Amino acid sequence: MQYTLDHIDANWTAVHQATLLFVVHAGKVLLIRKKRGLGAGKINGPGGKLDTGETAQQCAHREVFEELCIRIDDSSNVGRLRFQFVDNYSIDVRVFLATKFHGTPTETEEAAPLWFEPEKIPYHEMWEDDRIWLPRVLGGEHVDGRFIFDGDQLLESDVKFESAPSAIPAH
């Protein structure tokens, strides 16, 4: 089947529901080098698939703990990203930002923690869509995006933004 952005409409249902959570602290963003699963080897935010009966926010907090051994105090939902892959896989991702956490980010079997200043985020080591929306989310906007991928290659995208409180305090 040939997928287009028109397929990702109100009736679209993803194979998996998932989350991403970006911790912003002291002017830096906590990212991970993913060690396994979808996107292994890439840099991304921590996150993963929802468990049965779990809210997206609960999932985001659980995944950060499992991947980095830190506990998130609170987070804000800053968007939704819908991904359709040409191999029929699809994932519907809720995106969160957090500024407070307990513990020290620690490498696990799933991920290695990496801190970056927003202007030094290595987008060339991330999914192609991240460069489109992540800078604007870190700058205080909510995102609503639809993407078509063939493996690692972004084929089509449609991304909308609206204003939200900034996650990174001005210096």
Protein backbone atom coordinates (compact mmCIF):
# COMPACT_ATOMS: atom_id res chain seq x y z
CA MET A 1 0.00 0.00 0.00
CA GLN A 2 1.19 3.49 -0.85
CA TYR A 3 0.80 5.73 2.22
CA THR A 4 0.22 9.47 2.08
CA LEU A 5 -0.46 12.02 4.78
CA ASP A 6 -4.16 11.71 3.91
CA HIS A 7 -4.07 8.23 5.48
CA ILE A 8 -3.25 9.78 8.86
CA ASP A 9 -6.68 11.25 9.47
CA ALA A 10 -9.32 11.10 12.20
CA ASN A 11 -9.93 7.40 11.46
CA TRP A 12 -6.24 6.42 11.55
CA THR A 13 -5.26 4.03 14.33
CA ALA A 14 -1.63 3.27 15.08
CA VAL A 15 -0.22 -0.16 15.83
CA HIS A 16 1.31 1.30 19.02
CA GLN A 17 0.68 4.24 21.35
CA ALA A 18 3.90 5.67 22.76
CA THR A 19 5.59 8.64 24.41
CA LEU A 20 8.69 10.80 24.31
CA LEU A 21 9.80 12.94 27.25
CA PHE A 22 12.43 15.67 27.04
CA VAL A 23 13.96 16.83 30.32
CA VAL A 24 15.17 20.43 30.25
CA HIS A 25 17.45 21.42 33.15
CA ALA A 26 20.05 24.18 33.64
CA GLY A 27 19.68 25.27 30.00
CA LYS A 28 20.36 21.79 28.62
CA VAL A 29 18.21 19.01 27.17
CA LEU A 30 18.56 15.40 28.33
CA LEU A 31 18.58 13.03 25.38
CA ILE A 32 19.54 9.38 25.05
CA ARG A 33 21.52 7.20 22.69
CA LYS A 34 19.04 4.38 22.17
CA LYS A 35 20.59 0.93 22.47
CA ARG A 36 17.76 -1.32 21.25
CA GLY A 37 14.34 -1.35 19.62
CA LEU A 38 12.99 1.11 17.05
CA GLY A 39 15.69 3.70 16.35
CA ALA A 40 18.54 1.78 18.02
CA GLY A 41 21.77 3.75 17.66
CA LYS A 42 19.98 7.05 17.19
CA ILE A 43 19.83 9.95 19.64
CA ASN A 44 16.31 10.70 20.85
CA GLY A 45 14.31 11.57 23.92
CA PRO A 46 13.55 8.74 26.33
CA GLY A 47 10.18 7.10 25.88
CA GLY A 48 8.37 4.01 24.79
CA LYS A 49 5.11 2.14 24.33
CA LEU A 50 2.13 2.45 26.66
CA ASP A 51 1.27 -0.49 28.87
CA THR A 52 -2.37 -1.56 29.23
CA GLY A 53 -4.30 0.79 31.53
CA GLU A 54 -1.53 3.38 31.61
CA THR A 55 -1.96 7.05 30.66
CA ALA A 56 0.51 8.64 28.26
CA GLN A 57 1.99 10.73 31.09
CA GLN A 58 2.39 7.66 33.34
CA CYS A 59 4.10 5.87 30.46
CA ALA A 60 6.48 8.78 29.82
CA HIS A 61 7.51 8.91 33.49
CA ARG A 62 7.91 5.11 33.70
CA GLU A 63 9.98 4.94 30.54
CA VAL A 64 12.34 7.71 31.74
CA PHE A 65 12.85 5.80 34.99
CA GLU A 66 13.47 2.50 33.15
CA GLU A 67 15.85 4.06 30.63
CA LEU A 68 17.71 6.59 32.83
CA CYS A 69 16.96 5.74 36.49
CA ILE A 70 15.50 9.18 37.29
CA ARG A 71 12.06 10.11 38.59
CA ILE A 72 10.18 12.92 36.89
CA ASP A 73 8.34 15.29 39.26
CA ASP A 74 5.88 16.60 36.70
CA SER A 75 5.65 16.99 32.95
CA SER A 76 3.61 18.89 30.39
CA ASN A 77 2.08 17.41 27.27
CA VAL A 78 3.47 19.47 24.40
CA GLY A 79 2.27 17.56 21.40
CA ARG A 80 1.37 14.60 19.31
CA LEU A 81 3.38 12.97 16.54
CA ARG A 82 1.84 10.35 14.24
CA PHE A 83 4.19 8.14 12.26
CA GLN A 84 3.20 5.81 9.43
CA PHE A 85 5.90 3.57 7.97
CA VAL A 86 5.58 2.11 4.47
CA ASP A 87 6.07 -1.40 5.92
CA ASN A 88 2.63 -0.94 7.64
CA TYR A 89 4.05 -0.20 11.10
CA SER A 90 2.62 2.91 12.75
CA ILE A 91 3.05 4.70 16.05
CA ASP A 92 1.11 7.52 17.73
CA VAL A 93 3.42 9.44 20.09
CA ARG A 94 2.55 11.94 22.83
CA VAL A 95 5.39 14.34 23.58
CA PHE A 96 6.15 15.69 27.08
CA LEU A 97 8.56 18.20 28.60
CA ALA A 98 9.78 18.14 32.20
CA THR A 99 12.05 20.51 34.11
CA LYS A 100 12.34 18.77 37.49
CA PHE A 101 13.53 15.28 38.35
CA HIS A 102 15.13 13.26 41.15
CA GLY A 103 18.23 11.14 40.76
CA THR A 104 21.19 11.10 38.42
CA PRO A 105 20.69 10.10 34.78
CA THR A 106 22.40 6.72 34.55
CA GLU A 107 23.19 4.49 31.58
CA THR A 108 21.09 1.32 31.37
CA GLU A 109 20.76 -1.61 28.97
CA GLU A 110 18.28 0.51 27.01
CA ALA A 111 19.91 3.93 26.82
CA ALA A 112 22.90 6.16 27.51
CA PRO A 113 22.13 9.68 28.82
CA LEU A 114 23.45 12.70 26.91
CA TRP A 115 23.04 16.40 27.82
CA PHE A 116 23.05 19.04 25.06
CA GLU A 117 22.63 22.78 24.85
CA PRO A 118 19.60 23.27 22.55
CA GLU A 119 21.69 24.86 19.79
CA LYS A 120 24.14 21.91 19.85
CA ILE A 121 21.64 19.05 19.55
CA PRO A 122 23.09 16.60 16.96
CA TYR A 123 20.09 16.37 14.63
CA HIS A 124 22.21 14.45 12.10
CA GLU A 125 22.19 11.52 14.58
CA MET A 126 18.42 11.64 15.16
CA TRP A 127 15.26 10.78 13.25
CA GLU A 128 14.81 13.17 10.29
CA ASP A 129 11.59 14.65 11.68
CA ASP A 130 13.21 15.82 14.94
CA ARG A 131 14.91 18.81 13.30
CA ILE A 132 11.48 20.01 12.10
CA TRP A 133 9.66 20.10 15.43
CA LEU A 134 12.01 19.69 18.42
CA PRO A 135 13.62 23.17 18.26
CA ARG A 136 10.19 24.78 18.23
CA VAL A 137 8.90 22.60 21.09
CA LEU A 138 11.97 23.53 23.15
CA GLY A 139 11.25 27.15 22.24
CA GLY A 140 7.77 27.00 23.71
CA GLU A 141 5.38 25.70 21.09
CA HIS A 142 3.05 22.71 21.00
CA VAL A 143 3.41 20.39 18.01
CA ASP A 144 0.93 18.33 16.00
CA GLY A 145 2.74 16.35 13.32
CA ARG A 146 2.09 13.64 10.77
CA PHE A 147 4.95 11.79 9.09
CA ILE A 148 5.44 9.08 6.48
CA PHE A 149 8.70 7.11 6.74
CA ASP A 150 10.35 4.44 4.65
CA GLY A 151 12.73 2.90 7.20
CA ASP A 152 14.87 5.84 8.36
CA GLN A 153 13.92 8.08 5.45
CA LEU A 154 11.27 10.78 5.89
CA LEU A 155 9.05 10.81 2.79
CA GLU A 156 6.35 13.33 3.76
CA SER A 157 5.46 15.52 6.71
CA ASP A 158 2.79 17.93 7.86
CA VAL A 159 3.54 19.79 11.09
CA LYS A 160 1.51 22.46 12.86
CA PHE A 161 2.49 24.53 15.90
CA GLU A 162 0.76 26.66 18.49
CA SER A 163 2.11 28.78 21.32
CA ALA A 164 2.86 27.23 24.72
CA PRO A 165 4.95 28.26 27.74
CA SER A 166 8.69 27.98 27.05
CA ALA A 167 10.48 25.00 28.60
CA ILE A 168 13.87 26.66 28.64
CA PRO A 169 14.14 29.68 30.94
CA ALA A 170 15.76 32.77 29.44
CA HIS A 171 19.24 33.55 30.74
